[in-house]
Protein backbone atom coordinates (compact mmCIF):
# COMPACT_ATOMS: atom_id res chain seq x y z
CA UNK A 1 0.00 0.00 0.00
CA UNK A 2 1.12 3.48 -0.74
CA UNK A 3 1.76 6.12 1.94
CA UNK A 4 1.04 9.76 1.16
CA UNK A 5 0.03 13.13 2.58
CA UNK A 6 -3.69 13.88 2.40
CA UNK A 7 -3.50 17.47 3.61
CA UNK A 8 -0.77 19.77 4.95
CA UNK A 9 -1.44 22.80 7.15
CA UNK A 10 0.95 25.53 8.27
CA UNK A 11 0.74 25.74 12.08
CA UNK A 12 3.50 28.19 13.13
CA UNK A 13 5.95 30.31 11.21
CA UNK A 14 8.96 32.00 12.76
CA UNK A 15 11.85 33.86 11.18
CA UNK A 16 13.75 30.58 10.71
CA UNK A 17 11.26 27.70 10.75
CA UNK A 18 7.76 26.71 9.73
CA UNK A 19 5.94 23.96 11.63
CA UNK A 20 3.58 21.91 9.47
CA UNK A 21 0.85 19.46 10.42
CA UNK A 22 0.21 16.74 7.85
CA UNK A 23 -2.65 14.29 7.67
CA UNK A 24 -1.14 11.05 6.37
CA UNK A 25 -2.55 7.93 4.82
CA UNK A 26 -0.40 4.99 5.92
CA UNK A 27 -1.85 1.76 4.61
CA UNK A 28 -5.41 1.57 5.92
CA UNK A 29 -4.73 4.04 8.72
CA UNK A 30 -4.72 7.83 8.93
CA UNK A 31 -2.32 9.74 11.16
CA UNK A 32 -1.42 13.32 11.94
CA UNK A 33 2.29 14.14 11.80
CA UNK A 34 4.23 17.33 12.46
CA UNK A 35 7.40 18.34 10.69
CA UNK A 36 9.56 21.44 10.36
CA UNK A 37 10.91 23.19 7.29
CA UNK A 38 13.56 25.88 7.08
CA UNK A 39 12.22 29.11 5.63
CA UNK A 40 15.42 30.12 3.83
CA UNK A 41 17.99 27.42 4.53
CA UNK A 42 16.54 24.18 3.23
CA UNK A 43 19.88 23.58 1.48
CA UNK A 44 23.21 23.89 3.26
CA UNK A 45 26.82 22.84 2.81
CA UNK A 46 29.35 21.40 5.23
CA UNK A 47 33.02 21.10 4.44
CA UNK A 48 35.77 18.76 5.71
CA UNK A 49 38.85 20.98 5.10
CA UNK A 50 42.16 19.11 5.01
CA UNK A 51 45.52 20.81 5.38
CA UNK A 52 48.56 19.63 3.40
CA UNK A 53 49.58 17.37 6.29
CA UNK A 54 46.08 15.81 6.54
CA UNK A 55 44.88 17.77 9.52
CA UNK A 56 41.17 18.42 9.69
CA UNK A 57 40.12 22.00 10.40
CA UNK A 58 37.27 22.16 12.93
CA UNK A 59 35.57 25.10 14.54
CA UNK A 60 34.51 25.43 18.14
CA UNK A 61 31.39 27.56 18.25
CA UNK A 62 28.66 28.47 20.67
CA UNK A 63 25.38 26.70 19.90
CA UNK A 64 22.42 28.45 21.60
CA UNK A 65 20.09 25.43 21.33
CA UNK A 66 22.35 23.44 23.69
CA UNK A 67 23.68 26.50 25.54
CA UNK A 68 27.24 25.37 25.01
CA UNK A 69 30.17 24.97 22.67
CA UNK A 70 30.43 22.27 20.03
CA UNK A 71 33.13 21.17 17.60
CA UNK A 72 31.74 21.28 14.07
CA UNK A 73 32.88 21.38 10.48
CA UNK A 74 32.51 24.73 8.73
CA UNK A 75 29.39 25.25 6.66
CA UNK A 76 26.34 27.35 6.03
CA UNK A 77 23.17 27.88 4.05
CA UNK A 78 23.00 27.97 0.26
CA UNK A 79 21.58 31.23 -1.05
CA UNK A 80 19.03 30.97 -3.87
CA UNK A 81 21.40 32.56 -6.41
CA UNK A 82 24.47 30.51 -5.43
CA UNK A 83 25.80 27.09 -6.44
CA UNK A 84 26.76 24.45 -3.88
CA UNK A 85 30.47 24.78 -4.77
CA UNK A 86 30.43 28.59 -4.58
CA UNK A 87 28.68 28.41 -1.20
CA UNK A 88 31.18 25.84 0.13
CA UNK A 89 34.13 28.06 -0.88
CA UNK A 90 32.49 31.16 0.61
CA UNK A 91 31.55 29.51 3.90
CA UNK A 92 34.98 27.93 4.33
CA UNK A 93 36.66 31.29 3.75
CA UNK A 94 34.25 33.19 6.03
CA UNK A 95 34.49 30.74 8.93
CA UNK A 96 38.13 29.66 8.76
CA UNK A 97 40.07 32.06 6.53
CA UNK A 98 41.00 29.11 4.29
CA UNK A 99 40.25 28.94 0.58
CA UNK A 100 40.15 25.55 -1.19
CA UNK A 101 41.89 24.99 -4.50
CA UNK A 102 40.01 21.69 -4.82
CA UNK A 103 36.55 20.59 -3.67
CA UNK A 104 35.38 16.98 -3.75
CA UNK A 105 31.58 16.62 -3.50
CA UNK A 106 30.29 13.94 -1.14
CA UNK A 107 26.61 14.17 -1.96
CA UNK A 108 23.48 14.97 0.01
CA UNK A 109 22.80 14.18 3.66
CA UNK A 110 19.33 14.38 5.23
CA UNK A 111 18.99 15.16 8.91
CA UNK A 112 16.03 13.57 10.66
CA UNK A 113 13.97 13.36 7.43
CA UNK A 114 10.80 12.27 9.22
CA UNK A 115 10.72 15.60 11.07
CA UNK A 116 12.91 18.13 9.25
CA UNK A 117 12.89 19.26 5.62
CA UNK A 118 16.48 20.09 4.72
CA UNK A 119 19.52 18.75 2.91
CA UNK A 120 23.20 19.27 3.67
CA UNK A 121 25.69 18.75 0.85
CA UNK A 122 29.08 17.58 2.04
CA UNK A 123 32.46 18.42 0.55
CA UNK A 124 36.11 17.64 1.13
CA UNK A 125 38.31 20.71 0.69
CA UNK A 126 41.85 19.89 -0.41
CA UNK A 127 44.83 22.12 -1.03
CA UNK A 128 43.48 24.80 1.28
CA UNK A 129 45.32 28.11 1.45
CA UNK A 130 45.14 30.57 4.35
CA UNK A 131 44.03 34.01 3.13
CA UNK A 132 45.25 37.01 5.08
CA UNK A 133 42.87 39.79 6.10
CA UNK A 134 39.69 37.68 6.13
CA UNK A 135 37.44 38.83 8.97
CA UNK A 136 35.10 35.84 9.11
CA UNK A 137 31.49 35.75 10.20
CA UNK A 138 30.56 38.83 12.19
CA UNK A 139 27.83 37.11 14.23
CA UNK A 140 29.80 34.05 15.26
CA UNK A 141 32.58 33.79 17.78
CA UNK A 142 34.50 30.75 16.62
CA UNK A 143 37.84 29.21 17.42
CA UNK A 144 39.73 27.09 14.90
CA UNK A 145 41.41 23.83 15.79
CA UNK A 146 43.39 21.57 13.51
CA UNK A 147 43.63 17.89 14.39
CA UNK A 148 45.10 14.89 12.57
CA UNK A 149 42.21 13.24 10.74
CA UNK A 150 42.48 9.99 12.72
CA UNK A 151 42.20 12.04 15.94
CA UNK A 152 38.96 13.57 14.66
CA UNK A 153 37.51 10.06 14.44
CA UNK A 154 38.64 9.43 18.04
CA UNK A 155 37.00 12.72 19.11
CA UNK A 156 33.72 11.32 17.79
CA UNK A 157 34.13 8.18 19.91
CA UNK A 158 35.03 10.34 22.93
CA UNK A 159 31.81 12.36 22.35
CA UNK A 160 33.75 15.58 21.77
CA UNK A 161 32.35 15.92 18.22
CA UNK A 162 28.60 15.45 18.54
CA UNK A 163 27.07 17.43 15.68
CA UNK A 164 25.45 14.70 13.59
CA UNK A 165 26.31 16.32 10.24
CA UNK A 166 29.97 16.68 11.23
CA UNK A 167 30.04 13.10 12.54
CA UNK A 168 28.46 11.76 9.35
CA UNK A 169 30.84 13.62 7.03
CA UNK A 170 33.97 12.73 9.02
CA UNK A 171 33.01 9.04 9.12
CA UNK A 172 31.96 9.12 5.46
CA UNK A 173 35.36 10.53 4.46
CA UNK A 174 37.26 8.05 6.63
CA UNK A 175 35.24 5.15 5.15
CA UNK A 176 35.05 6.04 1.47
CA UNK A 177 38.16 8.23 1.01
CA UNK A 178 40.76 6.58 3.26
CA UNK A 179 43.54 7.34 0.78
CA UNK A 180 42.94 11.09 1.24
CA UNK A 181 43.23 11.03 5.03
CA UNK A 182 45.88 8.41 5.80
C-alpha atoms as a PDB file:
ATOM      1  CA  UNK A   1       0.000   0.000   0.000  1.00  0.00           C
ATOM      2  CA  UNK A   2       1.122   3.481  -0.742  1.00  0.00           C
ATOM      3  CA  UNK A   3       1.764   6.125   1.940  1.00  0.00           C
ATOM      4  CA  UNK A   4       1.044   9.758   1.164  1.00  0.00           C
ATOM      5  CA  UNK A   5       0.030  13.129   2.581  1.00  0.00           C
ATOM      6  CA  UNK A   6      -3.690  13.876   2.400  1.00  0.00           C
ATOM      7  CA  UNK A   7      -3.496  17.467   3.611  1.00  0.00           C
ATOM      8  CA  UNK A   8      -0.773  19.766   4.949  1.00  0.00           C
ATOM      9  CA  UNK A   9      -1.444  22.804   7.154  1.00  0.00           C
ATOM     10  CA  UNK A  10       0.951  25.530   8.273  1.00  0.00           C
ATOM     11  CA  UNK A  11       0.740  25.743  12.083  1.00  0.00           C
ATOM     12  CA  UNK A  12       3.496  28.186  13.134  1.00  0.00           C
ATOM     13  CA  UNK A  13       5.949  30.306  11.206  1.00  0.00           C
ATOM     14  CA  UNK A  14       8.964  31.997  12.762  1.00  0.00           C
ATOM     15  CA  UNK A  15      11.851  33.865  11.177  1.00  0.00           C
ATOM     16  CA  UNK A  16      13.755  30.584  10.707  1.00  0.00           C
ATOM     17  CA  UNK A  17      11.261  27.697  10.745  1.00  0.00           C
ATOM     18  CA  UNK A  18       7.755  26.711   9.731  1.00  0.00           C
ATOM     19  CA  UNK A  19       5.941  23.956  11.629  1.00  0.00           C
ATOM     20  CA  UNK A  20       3.581  21.905   9.475  1.00  0.00           C
ATOM     21  CA  UNK A  21       0.847  19.457  10.415  1.00  0.00           C
ATOM     22  CA  UNK A  22       0.213  16.744   7.847  1.00  0.00           C
ATOM     23  CA  UNK A  23      -2.646  14.294   7.670  1.00  0.00           C
ATOM     24  CA  UNK A  24      -1.139  11.054   6.373  1.00  0.00           C
ATOM     25  CA  UNK A  25      -2.548   7.932   4.821  1.00  0.00           C
ATOM     26  CA  UNK A  26      -0.399   4.985   5.919  1.00  0.00           C
ATOM     27  CA  UNK A  27      -1.851   1.764   4.606  1.00  0.00           C
ATOM     28  CA  UNK A  28      -5.414   1.570   5.919  1.00  0.00           C
ATOM     29  CA  UNK A  29      -4.727   4.041   8.720  1.00  0.00           C
ATOM     30  CA  UNK A  30      -4.722   7.828   8.934  1.00  0.00           C
ATOM     31  CA  UNK A  31      -2.320   9.743  11.162  1.00  0.00           C
ATOM     32  CA  UNK A  32      -1.416  13.319  11.936  1.00  0.00           C
ATOM     33  CA  UNK A  33       2.293  14.144  11.796  1.00  0.00           C
ATOM     34  CA  UNK A  34       4.233  17.328  12.461  1.00  0.00           C
ATOM     35  CA  UNK A  35       7.399  18.338  10.693  1.00  0.00           C
ATOM     36  CA  UNK A  36       9.559  21.441  10.357  1.00  0.00           C
ATOM     37  CA  UNK A  37      10.909  23.188   7.295  1.00  0.00           C
ATOM     38  CA  UNK A  38      13.561  25.879   7.078  1.00  0.00           C
ATOM     39  CA  UNK A  39      12.225  29.111   5.634  1.00  0.00           C
ATOM     40  CA  UNK A  40      15.419  30.122   3.831  1.00  0.00           C
ATOM     41  CA  UNK A  41      17.994  27.421   4.531  1.00  0.00           C
ATOM     42  CA  UNK A  42      16.543  24.182   3.229  1.00  0.00           C
ATOM     43  CA  UNK A  43      19.882  23.581   1.477  1.00  0.00           C
ATOM     44  CA  UNK A  44      23.211  23.891   3.259  1.00  0.00           C
ATOM     45  CA  UNK A  45      26.821  22.841   2.813  1.00  0.00           C
ATOM     46  CA  UNK A  46      29.352  21.399   5.231  1.00  0.00           C
ATOM     47  CA  UNK A  47      33.021  21.105   4.444  1.00  0.00           C
ATOM     48  CA  UNK A  48      35.766  18.764   5.710  1.00  0.00           C
ATOM     49  CA  UNK A  49      38.847  20.981   5.102  1.00  0.00           C
ATOM     50  CA  UNK A  50      42.157  19.107   5.005  1.00  0.00           C
ATOM     51  CA  UNK A  51      45.518  20.806   5.376  1.00  0.00           C
ATOM     52  CA  UNK A  52      48.558  19.631   3.398  1.00  0.00           C
ATOM     53  CA  UNK A  53      49.585  17.368   6.288  1.00  0.00           C
ATOM     54  CA  UNK A  54      46.079  15.814   6.538  1.00  0.00           C
ATOM     55  CA  UNK A  55      44.884  17.773   9.524  1.00  0.00           C
ATOM     56  CA  UNK A  56      41.166  18.420   9.687  1.00  0.00           C
ATOM     57  CA  UNK A  57      40.116  22.004  10.403  1.00  0.00           C
ATOM     58  CA  UNK A  58      37.275  22.159  12.932  1.00  0.00           C
ATOM     59  CA  UNK A  59      35.571  25.102  14.540  1.00  0.00           C
ATOM     60  CA  UNK A  60      34.506  25.428  18.140  1.00  0.00           C
ATOM     61  CA  UNK A  61      31.392  27.556  18.250  1.00  0.00           C
ATOM     62  CA  UNK A  62      28.665  28.469  20.671  1.00  0.00           C
ATOM     63  CA  UNK A  63      25.380  26.700  19.902  1.00  0.00           C
ATOM     64  CA  UNK A  64      22.425  28.449  21.598  1.00  0.00           C
ATOM     65  CA  UNK A  65      20.089  25.427  21.330  1.00  0.00           C
ATOM     66  CA  UNK A  66      22.346  23.437  23.687  1.00  0.00           C
ATOM     67  CA  UNK A  67      23.683  26.499  25.543  1.00  0.00           C
ATOM     68  CA  UNK A  68      27.239  25.368  25.008  1.00  0.00           C
ATOM     69  CA  UNK A  69      30.168  24.969  22.667  1.00  0.00           C
ATOM     70  CA  UNK A  70      30.433  22.273  20.025  1.00  0.00           C
ATOM     71  CA  UNK A  71      33.130  21.175  17.596  1.00  0.00           C
ATOM     72  CA  UNK A  72      31.737  21.281  14.068  1.00  0.00           C
ATOM     73  CA  UNK A  73      32.880  21.383  10.480  1.00  0.00           C
ATOM     74  CA  UNK A  74      32.512  24.734   8.725  1.00  0.00           C
ATOM     75  CA  UNK A  75      29.393  25.251   6.663  1.00  0.00           C
ATOM     76  CA  UNK A  76      26.337  27.351   6.028  1.00  0.00           C
ATOM     77  CA  UNK A  77      23.166  27.881   4.051  1.00  0.00           C
ATOM     78  CA  UNK A  78      22.999  27.968   0.264  1.00  0.00           C
ATOM     79  CA  UNK A  79      21.580  31.233  -1.050  1.00  0.00           C
ATOM     80  CA  UNK A  80      19.032  30.974  -3.866  1.00  0.00           C
ATOM     81  CA  UNK A  81      21.400  32.555  -6.411  1.00  0.00           C
ATOM     82  CA  UNK A  82      24.472  30.512  -5.429  1.00  0.00           C
ATOM     83  CA  UNK A  83      25.804  27.095  -6.435  1.00  0.00           C
ATOM     84  CA  UNK A  84      26.759  24.446  -3.884  1.00  0.00           C
ATOM     85  CA  UNK A  85      30.469  24.781  -4.766  1.00  0.00           C
ATOM     86  CA  UNK A  86      30.428  28.589  -4.583  1.00  0.00           C
ATOM     87  CA  UNK A  87      28.684  28.406  -1.197  1.00  0.00           C
ATOM     88  CA  UNK A  88      31.183  25.838   0.127  1.00  0.00           C
ATOM     89  CA  UNK A  89      34.126  28.061  -0.879  1.00  0.00           C
ATOM     90  CA  UNK A  90      32.488  31.165   0.611  1.00  0.00           C
ATOM     91  CA  UNK A  91      31.553  29.510   3.904  1.00  0.00           C
ATOM     92  CA  UNK A  92      34.982  27.927   4.326  1.00  0.00           C
ATOM     93  CA  UNK A  93      36.660  31.285   3.752  1.00  0.00           C
ATOM     94  CA  UNK A  94      34.253  33.186   6.034  1.00  0.00           C
ATOM     95  CA  UNK A  95      34.494  30.741   8.927  1.00  0.00           C
ATOM     96  CA  UNK A  96      38.133  29.661   8.757  1.00  0.00           C
ATOM     97  CA  UNK A  97      40.069  32.063   6.531  1.00  0.00           C
ATOM     98  CA  UNK A  98      40.998  29.108   4.289  1.00  0.00           C
ATOM     99  CA  UNK A  99      40.249  28.943   0.579  1.00  0.00           C
ATOM    100  CA  UNK A 100      40.150  25.554  -1.193  1.00  0.00           C
ATOM    101  CA  UNK A 101      41.887  24.986  -4.496  1.00  0.00           C
ATOM    102  CA  UNK A 102      40.007  21.686  -4.821  1.00  0.00           C
ATOM    103  CA  UNK A 103      36.546  20.590  -3.670  1.00  0.00           C
ATOM    104  CA  UNK A 104      35.375  16.983  -3.750  1.00  0.00           C
ATOM    105  CA  UNK A 105      31.577  16.623  -3.502  1.00  0.00           C
ATOM    106  CA  UNK A 106      30.285  13.938  -1.145  1.00  0.00           C
ATOM    107  CA  UNK A 107      26.607  14.168  -1.961  1.00  0.00           C
ATOM    108  CA  UNK A 108      23.477  14.971   0.013  1.00  0.00           C
ATOM    109  CA  UNK A 109      22.800  14.183   3.657  1.00  0.00           C
ATOM    110  CA  UNK A 110      19.330  14.375   5.226  1.00  0.00           C
ATOM    111  CA  UNK A 111      18.995  15.157   8.908  1.00  0.00           C
ATOM    112  CA  UNK A 112      16.030  13.573  10.659  1.00  0.00           C
ATOM    113  CA  UNK A 113      13.967  13.360   7.431  1.00  0.00           C
ATOM    114  CA  UNK A 114      10.796  12.268   9.221  1.00  0.00           C
ATOM    115  CA  UNK A 115      10.718  15.605  11.066  1.00  0.00           C
ATOM    116  CA  UNK A 116      12.910  18.125   9.249  1.00  0.00           C
ATOM    117  CA  UNK A 117      12.894  19.260   5.623  1.00  0.00           C
ATOM    118  CA  UNK A 118      16.481  20.086   4.718  1.00  0.00           C
ATOM    119  CA  UNK A 119      19.520  18.747   2.911  1.00  0.00           C
ATOM    120  CA  UNK A 120      23.202  19.274   3.670  1.00  0.00           C
ATOM    121  CA  UNK A 121      25.689  18.753   0.854  1.00  0.00           C
ATOM    122  CA  UNK A 122      29.083  17.583   2.045  1.00  0.00           C
ATOM    123  CA  UNK A 123      32.458  18.425   0.548  1.00  0.00           C
ATOM    124  CA  UNK A 124      36.107  17.636   1.133  1.00  0.00           C
ATOM    125  CA  UNK A 125      38.310  20.708   0.695  1.00  0.00           C
ATOM    126  CA  UNK A 126      41.853  19.889  -0.409  1.00  0.00           C
ATOM    127  CA  UNK A 127      44.834  22.121  -1.034  1.00  0.00           C
ATOM    128  CA  UNK A 128      43.485  24.802   1.284  1.00  0.00           C
ATOM    129  CA  UNK A 129      45.321  28.107   1.453  1.00  0.00           C
ATOM    130  CA  UNK A 130      45.139  30.575   4.351  1.00  0.00           C
ATOM    131  CA  UNK A 131      44.026  34.010   3.129  1.00  0.00           C
ATOM    132  CA  UNK A 132      45.251  37.007   5.084  1.00  0.00           C
ATOM    133  CA  UNK A 133      42.874  39.789   6.096  1.00  0.00           C
ATOM    134  CA  UNK A 134      39.692  37.684   6.132  1.00  0.00           C
ATOM    135  CA  UNK A 135      37.438  38.831   8.970  1.00  0.00           C
ATOM    136  CA  UNK A 136      35.098  35.840   9.107  1.00  0.00           C
ATOM    137  CA  UNK A 137      31.486  35.748  10.204  1.00  0.00           C
ATOM    138  CA  UNK A 138      30.558  38.831  12.195  1.00  0.00           C
ATOM    139  CA  UNK A 139      27.829  37.106  14.225  1.00  0.00           C
ATOM    140  CA  UNK A 140      29.805  34.052  15.256  1.00  0.00           C
ATOM    141  CA  UNK A 141      32.582  33.792  17.782  1.00  0.00           C
ATOM    142  CA  UNK A 142      34.498  30.753  16.617  1.00  0.00           C
ATOM    143  CA  UNK A 143      37.841  29.211  17.417  1.00  0.00           C
ATOM    144  CA  UNK A 144      39.727  27.086  14.896  1.00  0.00           C
ATOM    145  CA  UNK A 145      41.411  23.832  15.788  1.00  0.00           C
ATOM    146  CA  UNK A 146      43.385  21.570  13.509  1.00  0.00           C
ATOM    147  CA  UNK A 147      43.635  17.890  14.387  1.00  0.00           C
ATOM    148  CA  UNK A 148      45.104  14.886  12.568  1.00  0.00           C
ATOM    149  CA  UNK A 149      42.213  13.236  10.742  1.00  0.00           C
ATOM    150  CA  UNK A 150      42.484   9.988  12.724  1.00  0.00           C
ATOM    151  CA  UNK A 151      42.200  12.041  15.936  1.00  0.00           C
ATOM    152  CA  UNK A 152      38.956  13.571  14.664  1.00  0.00           C
ATOM    153  CA  UNK A 153      37.507  10.058  14.439  1.00  0.00           C
ATOM    154  CA  UNK A 154      38.642   9.435  18.041  1.00  0.00           C
ATOM    155  CA  UNK A 155      37.002  12.721  19.109  1.00  0.00           C
ATOM    156  CA  UNK A 156      33.716  11.323  17.786  1.00  0.00           C
ATOM    157  CA  UNK A 157      34.133   8.181  19.907  1.00  0.00           C
ATOM    158  CA  UNK A 158      35.025  10.344  22.932  1.00  0.00           C
ATOM    159  CA  UNK A 159      31.809  12.357  22.348  1.00  0.00           C
ATOM    160  CA  UNK A 160      33.746  15.576  21.767  1.00  0.00           C
ATOM    161  CA  UNK A 161      32.350  15.924  18.221  1.00  0.00           C
ATOM    162  CA  UNK A 162      28.601  15.446  18.536  1.00  0.00           C
ATOM    163  CA  UNK A 163      27.071  17.429  15.682  1.00  0.00           C
ATOM    164  CA  UNK A 164      25.450  14.698  13.585  1.00  0.00           C
ATOM    165  CA  UNK A 165      26.314  16.316  10.243  1.00  0.00           C
ATOM    166  CA  UNK A 166      29.967  16.680  11.231  1.00  0.00           C
ATOM    167  CA  UNK A 167      30.039  13.103  12.540  1.00  0.00           C
ATOM    168  CA  UNK A 168      28.462  11.764   9.347  1.00  0.00           C
ATOM    169  CA  UNK A 169      30.838  13.621   7.033  1.00  0.00           C
ATOM    170  CA  UNK A 170      33.972  12.732   9.020  1.00  0.00           C
ATOM    171  CA  UNK A 171      33.013   9.040   9.120  1.00  0.00           C
ATOM    172  CA  UNK A 172      31.964   9.120   5.456  1.00  0.00           C
ATOM    173  CA  UNK A 173      35.360  10.533   4.463  1.00  0.00           C
ATOM    174  CA  UNK A 174      37.262   8.048   6.626  1.00  0.00           C
ATOM    175  CA  UNK A 175      35.244   5.146   5.149  1.00  0.00           C
ATOM    176  CA  UNK A 176      35.051   6.044   1.465  1.00  0.00           C
ATOM    177  CA  UNK A 177      38.156   8.228   1.008  1.00  0.00           C
ATOM    178  CA  UNK A 178      40.759   6.583   3.263  1.00  0.00           C
ATOM    179  CA  UNK A 179      43.544   7.344   0.777  1.00  0.00           C
ATOM    180  CA  UNK A 180      42.941  11.092   1.241  1.00  0.00           C
ATOM    181  CA  UNK A 181      43.233  11.031   5.031  1.00  0.00           C
ATOM    182  CA  UNK A 182      45.883   8.412   5.805  1.00  0.00           C
END
